[in-house]
Structures are given as C-alpha cells and as structure tokens.
Amino acid sequence: MMHFSCDLCGKQMAPGARGRYVIKMEVFAAHDPTELTEEDLDADHLDEISQVLADDETAAEEEIAPAYKKLRYDVCPTCHKKFLSDPLGREAANKFDFSEN
C-alpha cells in the first residue's frame, strides 16, 4: 500500500481518497530569437567559435543549473489552496519581520 504525505506541510494523506492534489511544474531557460544585423554578417566567426569553446571548458568546471527540470509535488487541500492563491510564494517572502538594530 502506498502512503502519501503533503510535500509542504507533511500531513499524511490516504491513497485514492479525495483531498490529494498533484502539482507539476516545468522549468526551462527562455530563448528569445534575435534578428540578424549587418554586424553579425561581418563578424569573424572563427574567433567567436574559439571563444565559445574556451568558455565551455571553464564552464564545465563550474556547477551549472540544468536547462530543463520537471518537478512534481503531492499536496493536501489546505496547501493546494495556499499554492493557488500565491504560486510563487511572494506573500511568504514578504512576511519576514527583521528587527531594527
């Protein structure tokens, strides 16, 4: 028997019962196509390619975030309602109350 718990609050949820929601998200890099200009056509592409290859070698040493990621969360009805009202968590981020030192 499978057991489910809310990925936000930890509440136990019975499998097959009403009151379990699944949130699926896809995160990927945006790509905005650019127009070709006369400068693009006149550029020395061999120098640009060698620079890109050199940059790739140094970037391979650094940790890079994946360009595409799928996420899945199981949530209870209460957390589902909270998620729908503030999917990016902006309200929660504004609730920090720092003291003035």
PDB file of N, CA and C in Angstrom:
ATOM      1  N   MET A   1       0.840  -1.168   0.000  1.00  0.00           N
ATOM      2  CA  MET A   1       0.000   0.000   0.000  1.00  0.00           C
ATOM      3  C   MET A   1       0.894   1.242   0.000  1.00  0.00           C
ATOM      4  N   MET A   2       0.572   2.178  -0.853  1.00  0.00           N
ATOM      5  CA  MET A   2       1.346   3.414  -0.933  1.00  0.00           C
ATOM      6  C   MET A   2       0.853   4.411   0.107  1.00  0.00           C
ATOM      7  N   HIS A   3       1.787   5.148   0.660  1.00  0.00           N
ATOM      8  CA  HIS A   3       1.461   6.192   1.617  1.00  0.00           C
ATOM      9  C   HIS A   3       1.894   7.527   1.035  1.00  0.00           C
ATOM     10  N   PHE A   4       1.043   8.525   1.163  1.00  0.00           N
ATOM     11  CA  PHE A   4       1.344   9.861   0.662  1.00  0.00           C
ATOM     12  C   PHE A   4       1.363  10.837   1.818  1.00  0.00           C
ATOM     13  N   SER A   5       2.260  11.796   1.731  1.00  0.00           N
ATOM     14  CA  SER A   5       2.264  12.905   2.681  1.00  0.00           C
ATOM     15  C   SER A   5       2.426  14.192   1.886  1.00  0.00           C
ATOM     16  N   CYS A   6       1.885  15.267   2.415  1.00  0.00           N
ATOM     17  CA  CYS A   6       1.950  16.563   1.758  1.00  0.00           C
ATOM     18  C   CYS A   6       3.400  17.025   1.713  1.00  0.00           C
ATOM     19  N   ASP A   7       3.865  17.405   0.536  1.00  0.00           N
ATOM     20  CA  ASP A   7       5.244  17.847   0.383  1.00  0.00           C
ATOM     21  C   ASP A   7       5.497  19.218   0.995  1.00  0.00           C
ATOM     22  N   LEU A   8       4.437  19.936   1.374  1.00  0.00           N
ATOM     23  CA  LEU A   8       4.626  21.242   2.003  1.00  0.00           C
ATOM     24  C   LEU A   8       4.506  21.177   3.527  1.00  0.00           C
ATOM     25  N   CYS A   9       3.430  20.585   4.039  1.00  0.00           N
ATOM     26  CA  CYS A   9       3.216  20.597   5.495  1.00  0.00           C
ATOM     27  C   CYS A   9       3.496  19.251   6.157  1.00  0.00           C
ATOM     28  N   GLY A  10       3.625  18.167   5.380  1.00  0.00           N
ATOM     29  CA  GLY A  10       3.926  16.856   5.939  1.00  0.00           C
ATOM     30  C   GLY A  10       2.724  16.043   6.376  1.00  0.00           C
ATOM     31  N   LYS A  11       1.507  16.559   6.213  1.00  0.00           N
ATOM     32  CA  LYS A  11       0.289  15.860   6.628  1.00  0.00           C
ATOM     33  C   LYS A  11       0.160  14.538   5.862  1.00  0.00           C
ATOM     34  N   GLN A  12      -0.232  13.470   6.566  1.00  0.00           N
ATOM     35  CA  GLN A  12      -0.438  12.164   5.935  1.00  0.00           C
ATOM     36  C   GLN A  12      -1.732  12.177   5.136  1.00  0.00           C
ATOM     37  N   MET A  13      -1.703  11.590   3.937  1.00  0.00           N
ATOM     38  CA  MET A  13      -2.891  11.524   3.084  1.00  0.00           C
ATOM     39  C   MET A  13      -3.100  10.079   2.652  1.00  0.00           C
ATOM     40  N   ALA A  14      -4.342   9.631   2.672  1.00  0.00           N
ATOM     41  CA  ALA A  14      -4.675   8.270   2.272  1.00  0.00           C
ATOM     42  C   ALA A  14      -4.683   8.172   0.750  1.00  0.00           C
ATOM     43  N   PRO A  15      -4.108   7.084   0.201  1.00  0.00           N
ATOM     44  CA  PRO A  15      -4.113   6.932  -1.260  1.00  0.00           C
ATOM     45  C   PRO A  15      -5.536   6.699  -1.781  1.00  0.00           C
ATOM     46  N   GLY A  16      -5.853   7.301  -2.900  1.00  0.00           N
ATOM     47  CA  GLY A  16      -7.163   7.136  -3.517  1.00  0.00           C
ATOM     48  C   GLY A  16      -8.259   7.972  -2.896  1.00  0.00           C
ATOM     49  N   ALA A  17      -7.993   8.567  -1.767  1.00  0.00           N
ATOM     50  CA  ALA A  17      -9.015   9.383  -1.102  1.00  0.00           C
ATOM     51  C   ALA A  17      -9.042  10.781  -1.721  1.00  0.00           C
ATOM     52  N   ARG A  18     -10.200  11.418  -1.596  1.00  0.00           N
ATOM     53  CA  ARG A  18     -10.291  12.801  -2.048  1.00  0.00           C
ATOM     54  C   ARG A  18      -9.395  13.653  -1.160  1.00  0.00           C
ATOM     55  N   GLY A  19      -8.895  14.706  -1.733  1.00  0.00           N
ATOM     56  CA  GLY A  19      -8.101  15.606  -0.925  1.00  0.00           C
ATOM     57  C   GLY A  19      -6.612  15.479  -1.129  1.00  0.00           C
ATOM     58  N   ARG A  20      -6.203  14.901  -2.226  1.00  0.00           N
ATOM     59  CA  ARG A  20      -4.779  14.884  -2.572  1.00  0.00           C
ATOM     60  C   ARG A  20      -4.647  15.519  -3.940  1.00  0.00           C
ATOM     61  N   TYR A  21      -3.766  16.494  -4.038  1.00  0.00           N
ATOM     62  CA  TYR A  21      -3.559  17.200  -5.291  1.00  0.00           C
ATOM     63  C   TYR A  21      -2.117  17.013  -5.745  1.00  0.00           C
ATOM     64  N   VAL A  22      -1.920  17.016  -7.048  1.00  0.00           N
ATOM     65  CA  VAL A  22      -0.587  16.898  -7.630  1.00  0.00           C
ATOM     66  C   VAL A  22      -0.271  18.206  -8.346  1.00  0.00           C
ATOM     67  N   ILE A  23       0.883  18.775  -8.020  1.00  0.00           N
ATOM     68  CA  ILE A  23       1.362  19.976  -8.698  1.00  0.00           C
ATOM     69  C   ILE A  23       2.539  19.551  -9.570  1.00  0.00           C
ATOM     70  N   LYS A  24       2.449  19.816 -10.865  1.00  0.00           N
ATOM     71  CA  LYS A  24       3.536  19.528 -11.790  1.00  0.00           C
ATOM     72  C   LYS A  24       4.037  20.843 -12.375  1.00  0.00           C
ATOM     73  N   MET A  25       5.352  20.990 -12.405  1.00  0.00           N
ATOM     74  CA  MET A  25       5.944  22.202 -12.965  1.00  0.00           C
ATOM     75  C   MET A  25       7.088  21.824 -13.897  1.00  0.00           C
ATOM     76  N   GLU A  26       7.277  22.654 -14.896  1.00  0.00           N
ATOM     77  CA  GLU A  26       8.420  22.524 -15.786  1.00  0.00           C
ATOM     78  C   GLU A  26       9.199  23.836 -15.720  1.00  0.00           C
ATOM     79  N   VAL A  27      10.505  23.730 -15.565  1.00  0.00           N
ATOM     80  CA  VAL A  27      11.356  24.907 -15.508  1.00  0.00           C
ATOM     81  C   VAL A  27      12.379  24.785 -16.630  1.00  0.00           C
ATOM     82  N   PHE A  28      12.432  25.806 -17.475  1.00  0.00           N
ATOM     83  CA  PHE A  28      13.404  25.775 -18.575  1.00  0.00           C
ATOM     84  C   PHE A  28      13.827  27.185 -18.933  1.00  0.00           C
ATOM     85  N   ALA A  29      14.988  27.269 -19.553  1.00  0.00           N
ATOM     86  CA  ALA A  29      15.537  28.568 -19.943  1.00  0.00           C
ATOM     87  C   ALA A  29      14.724  29.131 -21.102  1.00  0.00           C
ATOM     88  N   ALA A  30      14.430  30.419 -21.016  1.00  0.00           N
ATOM     89  CA  ALA A  30      13.711  31.098 -22.090  1.00  0.00           C
ATOM     90  C   ALA A  30      14.693  31.453 -23.193  1.00  0.00           C
ATOM     91  N   HIS A  31      14.225  31.388 -24.401  1.00  0.00           N
ATOM     92  CA  HIS A  31      15.068  31.756 -25.542  1.00  0.00           C
ATOM     93  C   HIS A  31      14.297  32.729 -26.407  1.00  0.00           C
ATOM     94  N   ASP A  32      14.823  33.910 -26.525  1.00  0.00           N
ATOM     95  CA  ASP A  32      14.212  34.920 -27.377  1.00  0.00           C
ATOM     96  C   ASP A  32      15.037  35.030 -28.656  1.00  0.00           C
ATOM     97  N   PRO A  33      14.447  34.707 -29.800  1.00  0.00           N
ATOM     98  CA  PRO A  33      15.211  34.789 -31.045  1.00  0.00           C
ATOM     99  C   PRO A  33      15.610  36.240 -31.339  1.00  0.00           C
ATOM    100  N   THR A  34      16.787  36.393 -31.902  1.00  0.00           N
ATOM    101  CA  THR A  34      17.275  37.723 -32.254  1.00  0.00           C
ATOM    102  C   THR A  34      17.307  37.887 -33.760  1.00  0.00           C
ATOM    103  N   GLU A  35      17.327  39.122 -34.193  1.00  0.00           N
ATOM    104  CA  GLU A  35      17.423  39.412 -35.620  1.00  0.00           C
ATOM    105  C   GLU A  35      18.872  39.486 -36.041  1.00  0.00           C
ATOM    106  N   LEU A  36      19.149  39.068 -37.264  1.00  0.00           N
ATOM    107  CA  LEU A  36      20.486  39.210 -37.814  1.00  0.00           C
ATOM    108  C   LEU A  36      20.690  40.640 -38.285  1.00  0.00           C
ATOM    109  N   THR A  37      21.862  41.163 -37.984  1.00  0.00           N
ATOM    110  CA  THR A  37      22.189  42.512 -38.442  1.00  0.00           C
ATOM    111  C   THR A  37      23.397  42.435 -39.363  1.00  0.00           C
ATOM    112  N   GLU A  38      23.752  43.552 -39.982  1.00  0.00           N
ATOM    113  CA  GLU A  38      24.934  43.613 -40.841  1.00  0.00           C
ATOM    114  C   GLU A  38      26.193  43.287 -40.040  1.00  0.00           C
ATOM    115  N   GLU A  39      26.235  43.724 -38.761  1.00  0.00           N
ATOM    116  CA  GLU A  39      27.392  43.435 -37.907  1.00  0.00           C
ATOM    117  C   GLU A  39      27.554  41.925 -37.698  1.00  0.00           C
ATOM    118  N   ASP A  40      26.444  41.219 -37.557  1.00  0.00           N
ATOM    119  CA  ASP A  40      26.503  39.767 -37.396  1.00  0.00           C
ATOM    120  C   ASP A  40      27.104  39.106 -38.622  1.00  0.00           C
ATOM    121  N   LEU A  41      26.738  39.611 -39.778  1.00  0.00           N
ATOM    122  CA  LEU A  41      27.228  39.013 -41.019  1.00  0.00           C
ATOM    123  C   LEU A  41      28.699  39.337 -41.264  1.00  0.00           C
ATOM    124  N   ASP A  42      29.178  40.459 -40.754  1.00  0.00           N
ATOM    125  CA  ASP A  42      30.566  40.873 -40.962  1.00  0.00           C
ATOM    126  C   ASP A  42      31.513  40.337 -39.889  1.00  0.00           C
ATOM    127  N   ALA A  43      30.994  39.742 -38.838  1.00  0.00           N
ATOM    128  CA  ALA A  43      31.823  39.295 -37.711  1.00  0.00           C
ATOM    129  C   ALA A  43      32.721  38.130 -38.107  1.00  0.00           C
ATOM    130  N   ASP A  44      33.863  38.010 -37.409  1.00  0.00           N
ATOM    131  CA  ASP A  44      34.792  36.896 -37.620  1.00  0.00           C
ATOM    132  C   ASP A  44      34.316  35.723 -36.756  1.00  0.00           C
ATOM    133  N   HIS A  45      33.655  34.783 -37.386  1.00  0.00           N
ATOM    134  CA  HIS A  45      33.020  33.694 -36.656  1.00  0.00           C
ATOM    135  C   HIS A  45      34.024  32.687 -36.101  1.00  0.00           C
ATOM    136  N   LEU A  46      35.194  32.555 -36.707  1.00  0.00           N
ATOM    137  CA  LEU A  46      36.191  31.618 -36.180  1.00  0.00           C
ATOM    138  C   LEU A  46      36.681  32.069 -34.805  1.00  0.00           C
ATOM    139  N   ASP A  47      36.894  33.366 -34.640  1.00  0.00           N
ATOM    140  CA  ASP A  47      37.297  33.869 -33.332  1.00  0.00           C
ATOM    141  C   ASP A  47      36.191  33.653 -32.301  1.00  0.00           C
ATOM    142  N   GLU A  48      34.948  33.870 -32.701  1.00  0.00           N
ATOM    143  CA  GLU A  48      33.824  33.674 -31.788  1.00  0.00           C
ATOM    144  C   GLU A  48      33.699  32.214 -31.376  1.00  0.00           C
ATOM    145  N   ILE A  49      33.899  31.304 -32.321  1.00  0.00           N
ATOM    146  CA  ILE A  49      33.804  29.868 -32.015  1.00  0.00           C
ATOM    147  C   ILE A  49      34.901  29.462 -31.045  1.00  0.00           C
ATOM    148  N   SER A  50      36.115  29.944 -31.258  1.00  0.00           N
ATOM    149  CA  SER A  50      37.207  29.593 -30.340  1.00  0.00           C
ATOM    150  C   SER A  50      36.933  30.149 -28.942  1.00  0.00           C
ATOM    151  N   GLN A  51      36.322  31.336 -28.878  1.00  0.00           N
ATOM    152  CA  GLN A  51      35.979  31.915 -27.574  1.00  0.00           C
ATOM    153  C   GLN A  51      34.891  31.090 -26.889  1.00  0.00           C
ATOM    154  N   VAL A  52      33.892  30.645 -27.637  1.00  0.00           N
ATOM    155  CA  VAL A  52      32.816  29.818 -27.074  1.00  0.00           C
ATOM    156  C   VAL A  52      33.388  28.504 -26.549  1.00  0.00           C
ATOM    157  N   LEU A  53      34.299  27.886 -27.306  1.00  0.00           N
ATOM    158  CA  LEU A  53      34.908  26.635 -26.851  1.00  0.00           C
ATOM    159  C   LEU A  53      35.732  26.848 -25.581  1.00  0.00           C
ATOM    160  N   ALA A  54      36.454  27.943 -25.508  1.00  0.00           N
ATOM    161  CA  ALA A  54      37.235  28.241 -24.310  1.00  0.00           C
ATOM    162  C   ALA A  54      36.313  28.476 -23.118  1.00  0.00           C
ATOM    163  N   ASP A  55      35.207  29.186 -23.339  1.00  0.00           N
ATOM    164  CA  ASP A  55      34.242  29.434 -22.274  1.00  0.00           C
ATOM    165  C   ASP A  55      33.606  28.137 -21.798  1.00  0.00           C
ATOM    166  N   ASP A  56      33.336  27.206 -22.745  1.00  0.00           N
ATOM    167  CA  ASP A  56      32.740  25.921 -22.379  1.00  0.00           C
ATOM    168  C   ASP A  56      33.663  25.121 -21.476  1.00  0.00           C
ATOM    169  N   GLU A  57      34.954  25.195 -21.722  1.00  0.00           N
ATOM    170  CA  GLU A  57      35.901  24.451 -20.895  1.00  0.00           C
ATOM    171  C   GLU A  57      35.903  24.982 -19.465  1.00  0.00           C
ATOM    172  N   THR A  58      35.857  26.303 -19.306  1.00  0.00           N
ATOM    173  CA  THR A  58      35.841  26.867 -17.956  1.00  0.00           C
ATOM    174  C   THR A  58      34.482  26.655 -17.301  1.00  0.00           C
ATOM    175  N   ALA A  59      33.393  26.689 -18.085  1.00  0.00           N
ATOM    176  CA  ALA A  59      32.052  26.484 -17.533  1.00  0.00           C
ATOM    177  C   ALA A  59      31.865  25.049 -17.079  1.00  0.00           C
ATOM    178  N   ALA A  60      32.543  24.102 -17.719  1.00  0.00           N
ATOM    179  CA  ALA A  60      32.413  22.701 -17.326  1.00  0.00           C
ATOM    180  C   ALA A  60      32.934  22.486 -15.908  1.00  0.00           C
ATOM    181  N   GLU A  61      33.889  23.318 -15.485  1.00  0.00           N
ATOM    182  CA  GLU A  61      34.441  23.191 -14.150  1.00  0.00           C
ATOM    183  C   GLU A  61      33.491  23.750 -13.096  1.00  0.00           C
ATOM    184  N   GLU A  62      32.649  24.703 -13.466  1.00  0.00           N
ATOM    185  CA  GLU A  62      31.695  25.305 -12.547  1.00  0.00           C
ATOM    186  C   GLU A  62      30.402  24.502 -12.557  1.00  0.00           C
ATOM    187  N   GLU A  63      29.680  24.537 -11.439  1.00  0.00           N
ATOM    188  CA  GLU A  63      28.393  23.851 -11.390  1.00  0.00           C
ATOM    189  C   GLU A  63      27.355  24.711 -12.098  1.00  0.00           C
ATOM    190  N   ILE A  64      26.671  24.104 -13.058  1.00  0.00           N
ATOM    191  CA  ILE A  64      25.682  24.819 -13.856  1.00  0.00           C
ATOM    192  C   ILE A  64      24.303  24.231 -13.568  1.00  0.00           C
ATOM    193  N   ALA A  65      23.315  25.102 -13.390  1.00  0.00           N
ATOM    194  CA  ALA A  65      21.945  24.642 -13.172  1.00  0.00           C
ATOM    195  C   ALA A  65      21.426  23.973 -14.445  1.00  0.00           C
ATOM    196  N   PRO A  66      20.613  22.934 -14.308  1.00  0.00           N
ATOM    197  CA  PRO A  66      20.093  22.272 -15.504  1.00  0.00           C
ATOM    198  C   PRO A  66      19.211  23.218 -16.317  1.00  0.00           C
ATOM    199  N   ALA A  67      19.264  23.062 -17.644  1.00  0.00           N
ATOM    200  CA  ALA A  67      18.480  23.927 -18.522  1.00  0.00           C
ATOM    201  C   ALA A  67      16.999  23.555 -18.494  1.00  0.00           C
ATOM    202  N   TYR A  68      16.693  22.315 -18.103  1.00  0.00           N
ATOM    203  CA  TYR A  68      15.306  21.860 -18.068  1.00  0.00           C
ATOM    204  C   TYR A  68      15.119  20.957 -16.861  1.00  0.00           C
ATOM    205  N   LYS A  69      14.031  21.155 -16.151  1.00  0.00           N
ATOM    206  CA  LYS A  69      13.745  20.308 -14.997  1.00  0.00           C
ATOM    207  C   LYS A  69      12.238  20.174 -14.817  1.00  0.00           C
ATOM    208  N   LYS A  70      11.788  18.942 -14.548  1.00  0.00           N
ATOM    209  CA  LYS A  70      10.393  18.674 -14.231  1.00  0.00           C
ATOM    210  C   LYS A  70      10.280  18.463 -12.727  1.00  0.00           C
ATOM    211  N   LEU A  71       9.252  19.065 -12.137  1.00  0.00           N
ATOM    212  CA  LEU A  71       9.025  18.929 -10.705  1.00  0.00           C
ATOM    213  C   LEU A  71       7.616  18.416 -10.458  1.00  0.00           C
ATOM    214  N   ARG A  72       7.458  17.596  -9.414  1.00  0.00           N
ATOM    215  CA  ARG A  72       6.136  17.062  -9.056  1.00  0.00           C
ATOM    216  C   ARG A  72       6.009  17.057  -7.538  1.00  0.00           C
ATOM    217  N   TYR A  73       4.868  17.560  -7.052  1.00  0.00           N
ATOM    218  CA  TYR A  73       4.618  17.631  -5.621  1.00  0.00           C
ATOM    219  C   TYR A  73       3.212  17.116  -5.331  1.00  0.00           C
ATOM    220  N   ASP A  74       3.068  16.360  -4.235  1.00  0.00           N
ATOM    221  CA  ASP A  74       1.762  15.949  -3.730  1.00  0.00           C
ATOM    222  C   ASP A  74       1.430  16.885  -2.578  1.00  0.00           C
ATOM    223  N   VAL A  75       0.234  17.472  -2.604  1.00  0.00           N
ATOM    224  CA  VAL A  75      -0.146  18.416  -1.547  1.00  0.00           C
ATOM    225  C   VAL A  75      -1.553  18.116  -1.042  1.00  0.00           C
ATOM    226  N   CYS A  76      -1.793  18.519   0.201  1.00  0.00           N
ATOM    227  CA  CYS A  76      -3.113  18.370   0.824  1.00  0.00           C
ATOM    228  C   CYS A  76      -4.015  19.517   0.359  1.00  0.00           C
ATOM    229  N   PRO A  77      -5.327  19.449   0.633  1.00  0.00           N
ATOM    230  CA  PRO A  77      -6.245  20.511   0.195  1.00  0.00           C
ATOM    231  C   PRO A  77      -5.880  21.900   0.730  1.00  0.00           C
ATOM    232  N   THR A  78      -5.420  21.980   1.977  1.00  0.00           N
ATOM    233  CA  THR A  78      -5.061  23.282   2.542  1.00  0.00           C
ATOM    234  C   THR A  78      -3.883  23.892   1.804  1.00  0.00           C
ATOM    235  N   CYS A  79      -2.854  23.104   1.573  1.00  0.00           N
ATOM    236  CA  CYS A  79      -1.668  23.611   0.862  1.00  0.00           C
ATOM    237  C   CYS A  79      -1.980  23.865  -0.608  1.00  0.00           C
ATOM    238  N   HIS A  80      -2.900  23.089  -1.179  1.00  0.00           N
ATOM    239  CA  HIS A  80      -3.329  23.314  -2.561  1.00  0.00           C
ATOM    240  C   HIS A  80      -3.954  24.695  -2.696  1.00  0.00           C
ATOM    241  N   LYS A  81      -4.821  25.030  -1.745  1.00  0.00           N
ATOM    242  CA  LYS A  81      -5.482  26.340  -1.764  1.00  0.00           C
ATOM    243  C   LYS A  81      -4.450  27.462  -1.598  1.00  0.00           C
ATOM    244  N   LYS A  82      -3.489  27.273  -0.670  1.00  0.00           N
ATOM    245  CA  LYS A  82      -2.435  28.272  -0.473  1.00  0.00           C
ATOM    246  C   LYS A  82      -1.595  28.439  -1.733  1.00  0.00           C
ATOM    247  N   PHE A  83      -1.273  27.315  -2.383  1.00  0.00           N
ATOM    248  CA  PHE A  83      -0.460  27.368  -3.602  1.00  0.00           C
ATOM    249  C   PHE A  83      -1.180  28.132  -4.708  1.00  0.00           C
ATOM    250  N   LEU A  84      -2.465  27.853  -4.889  1.00  0.00           N
ATOM    251  CA  LEU A  84      -3.213  28.526  -5.951  1.00  0.00           C
ATOM    252  C   LEU A  84      -3.343  30.025  -5.709  1.00  0.00           C
ATOM    253  N   SER A  85      -3.397  30.424  -4.444  1.00  0.00           N
ATOM    254  CA  SER A  85      -3.530  31.854  -4.157  1.00  0.00           C
ATOM    255  C   SER A  85      -2.198  32.595  -4.275  1.00  0.00           C
ATOM    256  N   ASP A  86      -1.071  31.888  -4.132  1.00  0.00           N
ATOM    257  CA  ASP A  86       0.249  32.526  -4.206  1.00  0.00           C
ATOM    258  C   ASP A  86       1.278  31.520  -4.724  1.00  0.00           C
ATOM    259  N   PRO A  87       1.234  31.169  -6.022  1.00  0.00           N
ATOM    260  CA  PRO A  87       2.086  30.098  -6.545  1.00  0.00           C
ATOM    261  C   PRO A  87       3.591  30.376  -6.454  1.00  0.00           C
ATOM    262  N   LEU A  88       4.006  31.626  -6.448  1.00  0.00           N
ATOM    263  CA  LEU A  88       5.439  31.927  -6.387  1.00  0.00           C
ATOM    264  C   LEU A  88       5.922  32.214  -4.969  1.00  0.00           C
ATOM    265  N   GLY A  89       5.038  32.168  -3.994  1.00  0.00           N
ATOM    266  CA  GLY A  89       5.418  32.377  -2.610  1.00  0.00           C
ATOM    267  C   GLY A  89       5.817  33.806  -2.288  1.00  0.00           C
ATOM    268  N   ARG A  90       5.300  34.756  -3.032  1.00  0.00           N
ATOM    269  CA  ARG A  90       5.642  36.168  -2.802  1.00  0.00           C
ATOM    270  C   ARG A  90       5.176  36.642  -1.430  1.00  0.00           C
ATOM    271  N   GLU A  91       3.975  36.228  -1.047  1.00  0.00           N
ATOM    272  CA  GLU A  91       3.424  36.658   0.242  1.00  0.00           C
ATOM    273  C   GLU A  91       4.285  36.151   1.394  1.00  0.00           C
ATOM    274  N   ALA A  92       4.710  34.908   1.315  1.00  0.00           N
ATOM    275  CA  ALA A  92       5.539  34.330   2.377  1.00  0.00           C
ATOM    276  C   ALA A  92       6.884  35.039   2.460  1.00  0.00           C
ATOM    277  N   ALA A  93       7.439  35.431   1.324  1.00  0.00           N
ATOM    278  CA  ALA A  93       8.733  36.130   1.315  1.00  0.00           C
ATOM    279  C   ALA A  93       8.632  37.499   1.970  1.00  0.00           C
ATOM    280  N   ASN A  94       7.481  38.139   1.889  1.00  0.00           N
ATOM    281  CA  ASN A  94       7.297  39.467   2.476  1.00  0.00           C
ATOM    282  C   ASN A  94       6.989  39.423   3.967  1.00  0.00           C
ATOM    283  N   LYS A  95       6.767  38.228   4.526  1.00  0.00           N
ATOM    284  CA  LYS A  95       6.388  38.113   5.934  1.00  0.00           C
ATOM    285  C   LYS A  95       7.574  38.160   6.893  1.00  0.00           C
ATOM    286  N   PHE A  96       8.795  38.214   6.387  1.00  0.00           N
ATOM    287  CA  PHE A  96       9.950  38.301   7.272  1.00  0.00           C
ATOM    288  C   PHE A  96       9.893  39.637   8.007  1.00  0.00           C
ATOM    289  N   ASP A  97      10.043  39.573   9.298  1.00  0.00           N
ATOM    290  CA  ASP A  97       9.989  40.774  10.118  1.00  0.00           C
ATOM    291  C   ASP A  97      11.315  40.900  10.857  1.00  0.00           C
ATOM    292  N   PHE A  98      12.234  41.666  10.293  1.00  0.00           N
ATOM    293  CA  PHE A  98      13.538  41.835  10.885  1.00  0.00           C
ATOM    294  C   PHE A  98      13.510  42.996  11.877  1.00  0.00           C
ATOM    295  N   SER A  99      14.207  42.816  12.983  1.00  0.00           N
ATOM    296  CA  SER A  99      14.268  43.893  13.963  1.00  0.00           C
ATOM    297  C   SER A  99      15.266  44.945  13.496  1.00  0.00           C
ATOM    298  N   GLU A 100      15.029  46.166  13.935  1.00  0.00           N
ATOM    299  CA  GLU A 100      15.926  47.256  13.589  1.00  0.00           C
ATOM    300  C   GLU A 100      17.041  47.294  14.626  1.00  0.00           C
ATOM    301  N   ASN A 101      18.270  47.080  14.201  1.00  0.00           N
ATOM    302  CA  ASN A 101      19.418  47.105  15.128  1.00  0.00           C
ATOM    303  C   ASN A 101      20.136  48.421  15.068  1.00  0.00           C
TER     304      ASN A 101
END
